[in-house]
Amino acid sequence: MRDNNGFNEKDVLTTGEVAKICNVASRTVSKWFDSGQLEGYRIPGSKDRRIPVANLMTFMKLHNIPMDGLMSGRPRVLVVDFDEQVGSTLQRVLAEEADYDVHISTNLFEAGLECERFRPHVILFDVDMAGDQADSICSSLRECDELQGIRMVAVTSRLTEGQIAQMGTRGFDGVLRKPFTVRQVIESLEEVNSVLF
């Protein structure tokens, strides 16, 4: 599924879309494809080329091409919170107030699947829900080549100031303390990845 302004993880991209992302001419992308440097496939019965996003990301990393172009379109936010009401409220408000594309996961297994399917730019992650697993989940995300560009904001109502101060060394890009206002959420999202928004 594609929104009108950008790409998501299910997309396979055209050479024109890849050219826009990499800031090169379409014929350059065609040369990369034809030489086998950029993996993809041709549409059966056509000369049109298609490049899966995962293949493009691998190519961009290999050739030190900035990833900024991949983050075009509406900002995608995954809310991981066991409280479904919190998630639903954030989904509605962030869509209305900031035009974010927001998905919700209420358990850790579902959150893993959503990371693969939805490819969020930022995850609002309830670390209280994850407990002792929060650090290992964050580490797993950082170790996955295709997902390591995702920003993670820890959401908590239980951590002390000292624990919050340590979240950066634990792999999190920001911390949001419950209860919070919509403005605080938006500011937190903008702060962790100002390139996206």
C-alpha atoms as a PDB file:
ATOM      1  CA  MET A   1       0.000   0.000   0.000  1.00  0.00           C
ATOM      2  CA  ARG A   2       1.298   3.444  -0.903  1.00  0.00           C
ATOM      3  CA  ASP A   3       0.300   6.806   0.422  1.00  0.00           C
ATOM      4  CA  ASN A   4       0.017   9.635  -2.093  1.00  0.00           C
ATOM      5  CA  ASN A   5       3.233  11.347  -1.080  1.00  0.00           C
ATOM      6  CA  GLY A   6       5.797   8.674  -0.334  1.00  0.00           C
ATOM      7  CA  PHE A   7       6.889   5.104  -0.199  1.00  0.00           C
ATOM      8  CA  ASN A   8       6.426   2.349   2.299  1.00  0.00           C
ATOM      9  CA  GLU A   9       8.145  -0.965   2.714  1.00  0.00           C
ATOM     10  CA  LYS A  10       5.808  -2.918   0.411  1.00  0.00           C
ATOM     11  CA  ASP A  11       6.792  -0.766  -2.522  1.00  0.00           C
ATOM     12  CA  VAL A  12       8.974  -1.742  -5.324  1.00  0.00           C
ATOM     13  CA  LEU A  13      10.217   1.418  -6.939  1.00  0.00           C
ATOM     14  CA  THR A  14      10.494   2.525 -10.546  1.00  0.00           C
ATOM     15  CA  THR A  15      13.779   3.795 -11.921  1.00  0.00           C
ATOM     16  CA  GLY A  16      12.305   7.316 -11.817  1.00  0.00           C
ATOM     17  CA  GLU A  17      11.483   6.995  -8.120  1.00  0.00           C
ATOM     18  CA  VAL A  18      14.949   5.606  -7.370  1.00  0.00           C
ATOM     19  CA  ALA A  19      16.493   8.462  -9.369  1.00  0.00           C
ATOM     20  CA  LYS A  20      14.590  10.998  -7.276  1.00  0.00           C
ATOM     21  CA  ILE A  21      15.635   9.316  -4.023  1.00  0.00           C
ATOM     22  CA  CYS A  22      19.314   9.130  -5.057  1.00  0.00           C
ATOM     23  CA  ASN A  23      19.286  12.530  -6.769  1.00  0.00           C
ATOM     24  CA  VAL A  24      20.525  11.167 -10.104  1.00  0.00           C
ATOM     25  CA  ALA A  25      19.124  10.826 -13.630  1.00  0.00           C
ATOM     26  CA  SER A  26      16.794   7.917 -14.471  1.00  0.00           C
ATOM     27  CA  ARG A  27      19.257   6.637 -17.078  1.00  0.00           C
ATOM     28  CA  THR A  28      21.909   6.379 -14.329  1.00  0.00           C
ATOM     29  CA  VAL A  29      19.598   4.114 -12.337  1.00  0.00           C
ATOM     30  CA  SER A  30      18.962   2.045 -15.489  1.00  0.00           C
ATOM     31  CA  LYS A  31      22.729   1.599 -15.905  1.00  0.00           C
ATOM     32  CA  TRP A  32      23.076   0.497 -12.284  1.00  0.00           C
ATOM     33  CA  PHE A  33      20.276  -1.999 -12.836  1.00  0.00           C
ATOM     34  CA  ASP A  34      21.542  -3.302 -16.208  1.00  0.00           C
ATOM     35  CA  SER A  35      25.092  -3.758 -14.890  1.00  0.00           C
ATOM     36  CA  GLY A  36      23.788  -5.782 -11.926  1.00  0.00           C
ATOM     37  CA  GLN A  37      24.956  -3.271  -9.309  1.00  0.00           C
ATOM     38  CA  LEU A  38      21.365  -2.541  -8.254  1.00  0.00           C
ATOM     39  CA  GLU A  39      19.234  -5.656  -7.965  1.00  0.00           C
ATOM     40  CA  GLY A  40      15.624  -5.751  -9.091  1.00  0.00           C
ATOM     41  CA  TYR A  41      13.457  -7.279 -11.781  1.00  0.00           C
ATOM     42  CA  ARG A  42      11.668  -6.465 -15.006  1.00  0.00           C
ATOM     43  CA  ILE A  43       7.886  -6.450 -15.317  1.00  0.00           C
ATOM     44  CA  PRO A  44       6.980  -9.537 -17.419  1.00  0.00           C
ATOM     45  CA  GLY A  45       6.228  -8.552 -21.015  1.00  0.00           C
ATOM     46  CA  SER A  46       7.708  -5.105 -20.502  1.00  0.00           C
ATOM     47  CA  LYS A  47      11.068  -3.361 -20.336  1.00  0.00           C
ATOM     48  CA  ASP A  48      10.046  -1.585 -17.139  1.00  0.00           C
ATOM     49  CA  ARG A  49      12.383  -2.174 -14.209  1.00  0.00           C
ATOM     50  CA  ARG A  50      11.367  -2.452 -10.543  1.00  0.00           C
ATOM     51  CA  ILE A  51      13.664  -2.182  -7.539  1.00  0.00           C
ATOM     52  CA  PRO A  52      12.575  -3.402  -4.078  1.00  0.00           C
ATOM     53  CA  VAL A  53      13.227  -0.853  -1.332  1.00  0.00           C
ATOM     54  CA  ALA A  54      15.407  -3.334   0.613  1.00  0.00           C
ATOM     55  CA  ASN A  55      17.700  -3.752  -2.408  1.00  0.00           C
ATOM     56  CA  LEU A  56      17.908  -0.004  -2.859  1.00  0.00           C
ATOM     57  CA  MET A  57      18.851   0.493   0.796  1.00  0.00           C
ATOM     58  CA  THR A  58      21.647  -2.063   0.491  1.00  0.00           C
ATOM     59  CA  PHE A  59      22.928  -0.335  -2.652  1.00  0.00           C
ATOM     60  CA  MET A  60      22.769   3.111  -1.048  1.00  0.00           C
ATOM     61  CA  LYS A  61      24.708   1.979   2.021  1.00  0.00           C
ATOM     62  CA  LEU A  62      27.333   0.273  -0.136  1.00  0.00           C
ATOM     63  CA  HIS A  63      27.881   3.460  -2.151  1.00  0.00           C
ATOM     64  CA  ASN A  64      27.486   5.916   0.761  1.00  0.00           C
ATOM     65  CA  ILE A  65      24.420   7.552  -0.783  1.00  0.00           C
ATOM     66  CA  PRO A  66      22.532   9.585   1.870  1.00  0.00           C
ATOM     67  CA  MET A  67      19.333   7.891   3.056  1.00  0.00           C
ATOM     68  CA  ASP A  68      17.408  11.155   3.390  1.00  0.00           C
ATOM     69  CA  GLY A  69      15.567  10.599   0.100  1.00  0.00           C
ATOM     70  CA  LEU A  70      14.017   7.383   1.385  1.00  0.00           C
ATOM     71  CA  MET A  71      12.279   9.302   4.120  1.00  0.00           C
ATOM     72  CA  SER A  72      10.034  11.305   1.809  1.00  0.00           C
ATOM     73  CA  GLY A  73       6.278  11.499   2.167  1.00  0.00           C
ATOM     74  CA  ARG A  74       4.185  11.547   5.317  1.00  0.00           C
ATOM     75  CA  PRO A  75       6.159  10.693   8.442  1.00  0.00           C
ATOM     76  CA  ARG A  76       5.365   7.130   9.551  1.00  0.00           C
ATOM     77  CA  VAL A  77       5.090   6.532  13.283  1.00  0.00           C
ATOM     78  CA  LEU A  78       4.586   3.195  15.019  1.00  0.00           C
ATOM     79  CA  VAL A  79       3.078   3.449  18.501  1.00  0.00           C
ATOM     80  CA  VAL A  80       3.935   0.397  20.623  1.00  0.00           C
ATOM     81  CA  ASP A  81       1.813   0.586  23.766  1.00  0.00           C
ATOM     82  CA  PHE A  82      -0.131  -2.097  25.647  1.00  0.00           C
ATOM     83  CA  ASP A  83      -2.861   0.467  26.351  1.00  0.00           C
ATOM     84  CA  GLU A  84      -4.966   0.388  23.202  1.00  0.00           C
ATOM     85  CA  GLN A  85      -6.749   3.607  24.160  1.00  0.00           C
ATOM     86  CA  VAL A  86      -3.436   5.510  24.326  1.00  0.00           C
ATOM     87  CA  GLY A  87      -2.473   4.149  20.917  1.00  0.00           C
ATOM     88  CA  SER A  88      -5.825   4.984  19.333  1.00  0.00           C
ATOM     89  CA  THR A  89      -5.789   8.499  20.744  1.00  0.00           C
ATOM     90  CA  LEU A  90      -2.250   9.113  19.469  1.00  0.00           C
ATOM     91  CA  GLN A  91      -3.163   7.700  16.075  1.00  0.00           C
ATOM     92  CA  ARG A  92      -6.150  10.011  15.696  1.00  0.00           C
ATOM     93  CA  VAL A  93      -4.515  13.136  17.088  1.00  0.00           C
ATOM     94  CA  LEU A  94      -1.194  12.797  15.242  1.00  0.00           C
ATOM     95  CA  ALA A  95      -3.027  12.212  11.965  1.00  0.00           C
ATOM     96  CA  GLU A  96      -5.254  15.264  12.513  1.00  0.00           C
ATOM     97  CA  GLU A  97      -2.716  17.646  14.036  1.00  0.00           C
ATOM     98  CA  ALA A  98       0.448  16.751  12.113  1.00  0.00           C
ATOM     99  CA  ASP A  99      -0.647  14.582   9.156  1.00  0.00           C
ATOM    100  CA  TYR A 100       1.430  11.616  10.361  1.00  0.00           C
ATOM    101  CA  ASP A 101       0.732   8.083   9.171  1.00  0.00           C
ATOM    102  CA  VAL A 102       0.369   6.212  12.482  1.00  0.00           C
ATOM    103  CA  HIS A 103       0.058   2.476  13.151  1.00  0.00           C
ATOM    104  CA  ILE A 104      -0.470   0.885  16.565  1.00  0.00           C
ATOM    105  CA  SER A 105       0.838  -2.323  18.127  1.00  0.00           C
ATOM    106  CA  THR A 106      -0.345  -3.514  21.530  1.00  0.00           C
ATOM    107  CA  ASN A 107       2.137  -6.358  21.955  1.00  0.00           C
ATOM    108  CA  LEU A 108       5.804  -6.934  21.147  1.00  0.00           C
ATOM    109  CA  PHE A 109       5.249  -9.681  18.563  1.00  0.00           C
ATOM    110  CA  GLU A 110       2.859  -7.506  16.589  1.00  0.00           C
ATOM    111  CA  ALA A 111       5.328  -4.611  16.873  1.00  0.00           C
ATOM    112  CA  GLY A 112       8.044  -6.719  15.231  1.00  0.00           C
ATOM    113  CA  LEU A 113       5.754  -7.570  12.341  1.00  0.00           C
ATOM    114  CA  GLU A 114       4.744  -3.920  11.945  1.00  0.00           C
ATOM    115  CA  CYS A 115       8.389  -2.833  11.791  1.00  0.00           C
ATOM    116  CA  GLU A 116       8.859  -5.112   8.777  1.00  0.00           C
ATOM    117  CA  ARG A 117       5.567  -4.255   7.073  1.00  0.00           C
ATOM    118  CA  PHE A 118       5.176  -0.559   7.854  1.00  0.00           C
ATOM    119  CA  ARG A 119       8.825   0.554   8.063  1.00  0.00           C
ATOM    120  CA  PRO A 120       8.162   3.464  10.424  1.00  0.00           C
ATOM    121  CA  HIS A 121      10.444   6.478  10.543  1.00  0.00           C
ATOM    122  CA  VAL A 122       9.960   6.655  14.324  1.00  0.00           C
ATOM    123  CA  ILE A 123       8.742   4.209  16.975  1.00  0.00           C
ATOM    124  CA  LEU A 124       7.093   5.509  20.153  1.00  0.00           C
ATOM    125  CA  PHE A 125       7.982   2.541  22.349  1.00  0.00           C
ATOM    126  CA  ASP A 126       6.443   1.965  25.775  1.00  0.00           C
ATOM    127  CA  VAL A 127       9.489   0.666  27.643  1.00  0.00           C
ATOM    128  CA  ASP A 128       7.364  -0.010  30.725  1.00  0.00           C
ATOM    129  CA  MET A 129       5.450  -2.576  28.655  1.00  0.00           C
ATOM    130  CA  ALA A 130       8.665  -4.247  27.500  1.00  0.00           C
ATOM    131  CA  GLY A 131      10.291  -4.339  30.916  1.00  0.00           C
ATOM    132  CA  ASP A 132      13.707  -6.024  30.886  1.00  0.00           C
ATOM    133  CA  GLN A 133      13.365  -6.745  27.163  1.00  0.00           C
ATOM    134  CA  ALA A 134      13.419  -3.060  26.137  1.00  0.00           C
ATOM    135  CA  ASP A 135      17.204  -2.935  25.704  1.00  0.00           C
ATOM    136  CA  SER A 136      17.429  -6.167  23.715  1.00  0.00           C
ATOM    137  CA  ILE A 137      14.567  -5.076  21.452  1.00  0.00           C
ATOM    138  CA  CYS A 138      16.316  -1.771  20.797  1.00  0.00           C
ATOM    139  CA  SER A 139      19.633  -3.582  20.136  1.00  0.00           C
ATOM    140  CA  SER A 140      17.966  -6.017  17.730  1.00  0.00           C
ATOM    141  CA  LEU A 141      16.531  -3.115  15.771  1.00  0.00           C
ATOM    142  CA  ARG A 142      19.925  -1.395  15.600  1.00  0.00           C
ATOM    143  CA  GLU A 143      21.606  -4.597  14.373  1.00  0.00           C
ATOM    144  CA  CYS A 144      19.154  -5.101  11.495  1.00  0.00           C
ATOM    145  CA  ASP A 145      20.573  -3.373   8.403  1.00  0.00           C
ATOM    146  CA  GLU A 146      17.173  -2.653   6.908  1.00  0.00           C
ATOM    147  CA  LEU A 147      15.685  -1.199  10.104  1.00  0.00           C
ATOM    148  CA  GLN A 148      18.581   0.549  11.816  1.00  0.00           C
ATOM    149  CA  GLY A 149      17.580   3.956  10.411  1.00  0.00           C
ATOM    150  CA  ILE A 150      14.383   3.923  12.485  1.00  0.00           C
ATOM    151  CA  ARG A 151      14.410   6.375  15.378  1.00  0.00           C
ATOM    152  CA  MET A 152      13.215   5.085  18.756  1.00  0.00           C
ATOM    153  CA  VAL A 153      11.575   7.205  21.417  1.00  0.00           C
ATOM    154  CA  ALA A 154      11.169   5.534  24.801  1.00  0.00           C
ATOM    155  CA  VAL A 155       7.802   6.253  26.426  1.00  0.00           C
ATOM    156  CA  THR A 156       7.617   5.752  30.189  1.00  0.00           C
ATOM    157  CA  SER A 157       5.672   6.569  33.326  1.00  0.00           C
ATOM    158  CA  ARG A 158       7.933   4.614  35.680  1.00  0.00           C
ATOM    159  CA  LEU A 159      11.573   5.454  35.003  1.00  0.00           C
ATOM    160  CA  THR A 160      13.463   7.758  37.335  1.00  0.00           C
ATOM    161  CA  GLU A 161      15.303  10.855  36.096  1.00  0.00           C
ATOM    162  CA  GLY A 162      18.581   8.922  36.393  1.00  0.00           C
ATOM    163  CA  GLN A 163      17.244   6.049  34.283  1.00  0.00           C
ATOM    164  CA  ILE A 164      15.861   8.476  31.715  1.00  0.00           C
ATOM    165  CA  ALA A 165      19.273  10.144  31.440  1.00  0.00           C
ATOM    166  CA  GLN A 166      20.786   6.747  30.532  1.00  0.00           C
ATOM    167  CA  MET A 167      18.339   5.955  27.706  1.00  0.00           C
ATOM    168  CA  GLY A 168      20.644   7.452  25.067  1.00  0.00           C
ATOM    169  CA  THR A 169      23.441   5.028  25.959  1.00  0.00           C
ATOM    170  CA  ARG A 170      20.898   2.197  25.738  1.00  0.00           C
ATOM    171  CA  GLY A 171      20.173   2.977  22.070  1.00  0.00           C
ATOM    172  CA  PHE A 172      17.121   5.218  22.320  1.00  0.00           C
ATOM    173  CA  ASP A 173      16.992   8.519  20.442  1.00  0.00           C
ATOM    174  CA  GLY A 174      14.666  10.264  22.873  1.00  0.00           C
ATOM    175  CA  VAL A 175      12.412   9.851  25.904  1.00  0.00           C
ATOM    176  CA  LEU A 176       8.814  10.908  26.429  1.00  0.00           C
ATOM    177  CA  ARG A 177       7.352  10.821  29.925  1.00  0.00           C
ATOM    178  CA  LYS A 178       3.673   9.959  30.507  1.00  0.00           C
ATOM    179  CA  PRO A 179       1.368  11.742  30.883  1.00  0.00           C
ATOM    180  CA  PHE A 180       2.182  13.962  27.917  1.00  0.00           C
ATOM    181  CA  THR A 181       0.485  16.528  25.732  1.00  0.00           C
ATOM    182  CA  VAL A 182       0.073  16.225  21.979  1.00  0.00           C
ATOM    183  CA  ARG A 183       2.498  19.123  21.556  1.00  0.00           C
ATOM    184  CA  GLN A 184       5.139  17.244  23.586  1.00  0.00           C
ATOM    185  CA  VAL A 185       4.701  14.156  21.397  1.00  0.00           C
ATOM    186  CA  ILE A 186       5.054  16.140  18.184  1.00  0.00           C
ATOM    187  CA  GLU A 187       8.081  18.035  19.516  1.00  0.00           C
ATOM    188  CA  SER A 188       9.688  14.753  20.573  1.00  0.00           C
ATOM    189  CA  LEU A 189       9.116  13.241  17.128  1.00  0.00           C
ATOM    190  CA  GLU A 190      10.518  16.332  15.405  1.00  0.00           C
ATOM    191  CA  GLU A 191      13.517  16.436  17.716  1.00  0.00           C
ATOM    192  CA  VAL A 192      14.649  12.852  17.138  1.00  0.00           C
ATOM    193  CA  ASN A 193      14.533  13.190  13.412  1.00  0.00           C
ATOM    194  CA  SER A 194      14.269  16.737  12.149  1.00  0.00           C
ATOM    195  CA  VAL A 195      15.392  15.512   8.695  1.00  0.00           C
ATOM    196  CA  LEU A 196      12.121  13.651   8.278  1.00  0.00           C
ATOM    197  CA  PHE A 197       9.681  16.270   9.324  1.00  0.00           C
END
